Amino acid sequence: APADPQTSLSANVSGANGSKVNLNTATKEQLMQVDGIGDKKATKIIEYRQQHGSFKQLSELKDISGIGDKTYQKLSKSLTI
């Protein structure tokens, strides 16, 4: 089951206003607000989106070089599609 967005863990890693960042609509700057996404990962996410179209599921993040299972687990708490 998906984690309750009200849990303190999610609140700590979500965007500044507590909402999740949308992988398909976020700008590079918005992506970089997510804990664990820096300049390089934000650029790779946007390049992936340009090449493959919208993300259909969060697990597609793992197709991006540099994002493995551990990073994905961390990022998935702060992202949505």
N, C-alpha and C. Protein backbone atom coordinates (compact mmCIF):
# COMPACT_ATOMS: atom_id res chain seq x y z
N ALA A 1 0.84 -1.20 0.00
CA ALA A 1 0.00 0.00 0.00
C ALA A 1 0.88 1.24 0.00
N PRO A 2 0.44 2.29 -0.68
CA PRO A 2 1.26 3.51 -0.70
C PRO A 2 1.34 4.12 0.69
N ALA A 3 2.44 4.76 0.97
CA ALA A 3 2.62 5.40 2.28
C ALA A 3 1.64 6.54 2.44
N ASP A 4 1.18 6.74 3.64
CA ASP A 4 0.29 7.86 3.94
C ASP A 4 1.09 9.15 3.78
N PRO A 5 0.63 10.08 2.92
CA PRO A 5 1.41 11.30 2.71
C PRO A 5 1.51 12.17 3.97
N GLN A 6 0.69 11.88 4.97
CA GLN A 6 0.72 12.67 6.20
C GLN A 6 1.82 12.23 7.16
N THR A 7 2.48 11.11 6.88
CA THR A 7 3.52 10.65 7.81
C THR A 7 4.67 11.65 7.85
N SER A 8 5.33 11.72 8.97
CA SER A 8 6.39 12.71 9.13
C SER A 8 7.53 12.47 8.14
N LEU A 9 7.80 11.22 7.79
CA LEU A 9 8.88 10.93 6.86
C LEU A 9 8.62 11.61 5.52
N SER A 10 7.42 11.44 4.98
CA SER A 10 7.09 12.06 3.70
C SER A 10 7.14 13.58 3.81
N ALA A 11 6.64 14.11 4.91
CA ALA A 11 6.62 15.56 5.07
C ALA A 11 8.04 16.12 5.02
N ASN A 12 8.99 15.37 5.55
CA ASN A 12 10.37 15.86 5.58
C ASN A 12 11.03 15.86 4.20
N VAL A 13 10.62 14.97 3.33
CA VAL A 13 11.31 14.87 2.05
C VAL A 13 10.50 15.43 0.89
N SER A 14 9.26 15.85 1.13
CA SER A 14 8.45 16.41 0.06
C SER A 14 8.91 17.81 -0.26
N GLY A 15 8.29 18.40 -1.27
CA GLY A 15 8.60 19.77 -1.64
C GLY A 15 8.33 20.72 -0.48
N ALA A 16 8.75 21.94 -0.63
CA ALA A 16 8.66 22.92 0.46
C ALA A 16 7.24 23.06 1.00
N ASN A 17 6.25 22.93 0.12
CA ASN A 17 4.87 23.11 0.57
C ASN A 17 4.22 21.79 0.94
N GLY A 18 5.01 20.72 1.00
CA GLY A 18 4.47 19.44 1.42
C GLY A 18 3.87 18.62 0.29
N SER A 19 3.82 19.19 -0.91
CA SER A 19 3.24 18.44 -2.02
C SER A 19 4.35 17.70 -2.75
N LYS A 20 3.97 16.64 -3.45
CA LYS A 20 4.95 15.88 -4.21
C LYS A 20 5.24 16.60 -5.53
N VAL A 21 6.43 16.39 -6.04
CA VAL A 21 6.84 17.00 -7.29
C VAL A 21 6.43 16.07 -8.43
N ASN A 22 5.76 16.63 -9.44
CA ASN A 22 5.31 15.83 -10.58
C ASN A 22 6.46 15.65 -11.58
N LEU A 23 6.83 14.39 -11.78
CA LEU A 23 7.95 14.07 -12.68
C LEU A 23 7.73 14.56 -14.10
N ASN A 24 6.48 14.61 -14.53
CA ASN A 24 6.19 14.94 -15.92
C ASN A 24 6.05 16.43 -16.18
N THR A 25 5.82 17.22 -15.14
CA THR A 25 5.59 18.65 -15.37
C THR A 25 6.62 19.54 -14.67
N ALA A 26 7.42 18.97 -13.79
CA ALA A 26 8.37 19.78 -13.01
C ALA A 26 9.46 20.37 -13.89
N THR A 27 9.85 21.58 -13.57
CA THR A 27 11.01 22.20 -14.20
C THR A 27 12.26 21.62 -13.56
N LYS A 28 13.39 21.91 -14.16
CA LYS A 28 14.67 21.45 -13.59
C LYS A 28 14.81 21.98 -12.16
N GLU A 29 14.45 23.25 -11.95
CA GLU A 29 14.57 23.85 -10.62
C GLU A 29 13.67 23.13 -9.61
N GLN A 30 12.45 22.77 -10.03
CA GLN A 30 11.54 22.06 -9.12
C GLN A 30 12.08 20.68 -8.80
N LEU A 31 12.63 20.00 -9.79
CA LEU A 31 13.19 18.68 -9.55
C LEU A 31 14.34 18.76 -8.55
N MET A 32 15.14 19.81 -8.65
CA MET A 32 16.29 19.95 -7.77
C MET A 32 15.90 20.25 -6.32
N GLN A 33 14.64 20.60 -6.08
CA GLN A 33 14.17 20.82 -4.71
C GLN A 33 14.02 19.48 -3.96
N VAL A 34 13.92 18.40 -4.73
CA VAL A 34 13.74 17.08 -4.13
C VAL A 34 15.07 16.61 -3.56
N ASP A 35 15.04 16.15 -2.32
CA ASP A 35 16.24 15.64 -1.66
C ASP A 35 16.77 14.46 -2.46
N GLY A 36 18.01 14.56 -2.92
CA GLY A 36 18.59 13.46 -3.69
C GLY A 36 18.70 13.76 -5.17
N ILE A 37 18.07 14.84 -5.64
CA ILE A 37 18.19 15.22 -7.05
C ILE A 37 19.01 16.50 -7.14
N GLY A 38 20.14 16.37 -7.77
CA GLY A 38 20.98 17.54 -8.01
C GLY A 38 20.90 17.94 -9.47
N ASP A 39 21.81 18.80 -9.87
CA ASP A 39 21.82 19.33 -11.23
C ASP A 39 21.86 18.22 -12.28
N LYS A 40 22.77 17.25 -12.09
CA LYS A 40 22.95 16.20 -13.11
C LYS A 40 21.71 15.31 -13.22
N LYS A 41 21.16 14.88 -12.08
CA LYS A 41 19.98 14.00 -12.14
C LYS A 41 18.78 14.73 -12.71
N ALA A 42 18.61 16.01 -12.35
CA ALA A 42 17.49 16.79 -12.88
C ALA A 42 17.59 16.88 -14.40
N THR A 43 18.80 17.11 -14.89
CA THR A 43 19.02 17.20 -16.34
C THR A 43 18.70 15.86 -17.01
N LYS A 44 19.15 14.77 -16.39
CA LYS A 44 18.90 13.44 -16.96
C LYS A 44 17.41 13.11 -16.98
N ILE A 45 16.69 13.52 -15.94
CA ILE A 45 15.25 13.26 -15.89
C ILE A 45 14.55 14.01 -17.02
N ILE A 46 14.94 15.26 -17.23
CA ILE A 46 14.31 16.06 -18.30
C ILE A 46 14.68 15.49 -19.67
N GLU A 47 15.93 15.06 -19.84
CA GLU A 47 16.33 14.45 -21.12
C GLU A 47 15.55 13.17 -21.37
N TYR A 48 15.36 12.38 -20.33
CA TYR A 48 14.59 11.13 -20.46
C TYR A 48 13.17 11.44 -20.92
N ARG A 49 12.58 12.47 -20.30
CA ARG A 49 11.22 12.89 -20.63
C ARG A 49 11.13 13.34 -22.09
N GLN A 50 12.15 14.05 -22.57
CA GLN A 50 12.15 14.52 -23.95
C GLN A 50 12.29 13.36 -24.93
N GLN A 51 13.07 12.35 -24.55
CA GLN A 51 13.30 11.22 -25.45
C GLN A 51 12.17 10.20 -25.43
N HIS A 52 11.57 10.00 -24.27
CA HIS A 52 10.62 8.89 -24.10
C HIS A 52 9.19 9.36 -23.88
N GLY A 53 8.97 10.65 -23.76
CA GLY A 53 7.64 11.14 -23.43
C GLY A 53 7.42 11.08 -21.94
N SER A 54 6.19 11.27 -21.53
CA SER A 54 5.86 11.31 -20.11
C SER A 54 6.17 10.00 -19.42
N PHE A 55 6.54 10.11 -18.15
CA PHE A 55 6.70 8.92 -17.32
C PHE A 55 5.32 8.30 -17.11
N LYS A 56 5.22 7.01 -17.29
CA LYS A 56 3.95 6.32 -17.04
C LYS A 56 3.93 5.73 -15.64
N GLN A 57 5.11 5.43 -15.11
CA GLN A 57 5.22 4.96 -13.73
C GLN A 57 6.55 5.41 -13.16
N LEU A 58 6.55 5.60 -11.85
CA LEU A 58 7.75 6.11 -11.18
C LEU A 58 8.95 5.20 -11.39
N SER A 59 8.71 3.90 -11.52
CA SER A 59 9.84 2.96 -11.62
C SER A 59 10.67 3.20 -12.88
N GLU A 60 10.15 3.95 -13.86
CA GLU A 60 10.94 4.27 -15.04
C GLU A 60 12.18 5.09 -14.67
N LEU A 61 12.17 5.72 -13.50
CA LEU A 61 13.34 6.47 -13.04
C LEU A 61 14.58 5.58 -13.03
N LYS A 62 14.38 4.29 -12.74
CA LYS A 62 15.51 3.38 -12.65
C LYS A 62 16.15 3.12 -14.01
N ASP A 63 15.48 3.54 -15.10
CA ASP A 63 16.06 3.41 -16.44
C ASP A 63 17.11 4.50 -16.68
N ILE A 64 17.14 5.50 -15.81
CA ILE A 64 18.07 6.61 -15.97
C ILE A 64 19.40 6.25 -15.32
N SER A 65 20.47 6.44 -16.05
CA SER A 65 21.80 6.13 -15.53
C SER A 65 22.07 6.91 -14.25
N GLY A 66 22.55 6.23 -13.23
CA GLY A 66 22.85 6.88 -11.96
C GLY A 66 21.74 6.76 -10.93
N ILE A 67 20.58 6.24 -11.34
CA ILE A 67 19.48 6.05 -10.39
C ILE A 67 19.25 4.55 -10.23
N GLY A 68 19.66 4.04 -9.08
CA GLY A 68 19.49 2.62 -8.78
C GLY A 68 18.35 2.44 -7.79
N ASP A 69 18.24 1.23 -7.26
CA ASP A 69 17.14 0.91 -6.35
C ASP A 69 17.11 1.80 -5.12
N LYS A 70 18.27 2.00 -4.49
CA LYS A 70 18.28 2.80 -3.25
C LYS A 70 17.87 4.24 -3.52
N THR A 71 18.43 4.82 -4.57
CA THR A 71 18.09 6.20 -4.92
C THR A 71 16.61 6.29 -5.28
N TYR A 72 16.14 5.31 -6.05
CA TYR A 72 14.73 5.30 -6.44
C TYR A 72 13.81 5.26 -5.22
N GLN A 73 14.14 4.40 -4.25
CA GLN A 73 13.31 4.30 -3.04
C GLN A 73 13.22 5.65 -2.33
N LYS A 74 14.33 6.36 -2.29
CA LYS A 74 14.38 7.65 -1.63
C LYS A 74 13.56 8.69 -2.41
N LEU A 75 13.77 8.73 -3.73
CA LEU A 75 13.12 9.75 -4.56
C LEU A 75 11.62 9.50 -4.69
N SER A 76 11.22 8.24 -4.73
CA SER A 76 9.80 7.94 -5.00
C SER A 76 8.88 8.49 -3.92
N LYS A 77 9.42 8.74 -2.72
CA LYS A 77 8.58 9.30 -1.65
C LYS A 77 8.22 10.76 -1.92
N SER A 78 9.01 11.42 -2.76
CA SER A 78 8.82 12.86 -2.99
C SER A 78 8.26 13.17 -4.38
N LEU A 79 8.07 12.13 -5.18
CA LEU A 79 7.66 12.35 -6.57
C LEU A 79 6.30 11.72 -6.86
N THR A 80 5.64 12.23 -7.88
CA THR A 80 4.39 11.67 -8.36
C THR A 80 4.36 11.82 -9.87
N ILE A 81 3.37 11.15 -10.51
CA ILE A 81 3.21 11.34 -11.95
C ILE A 81 1.75 11.60 -12.25
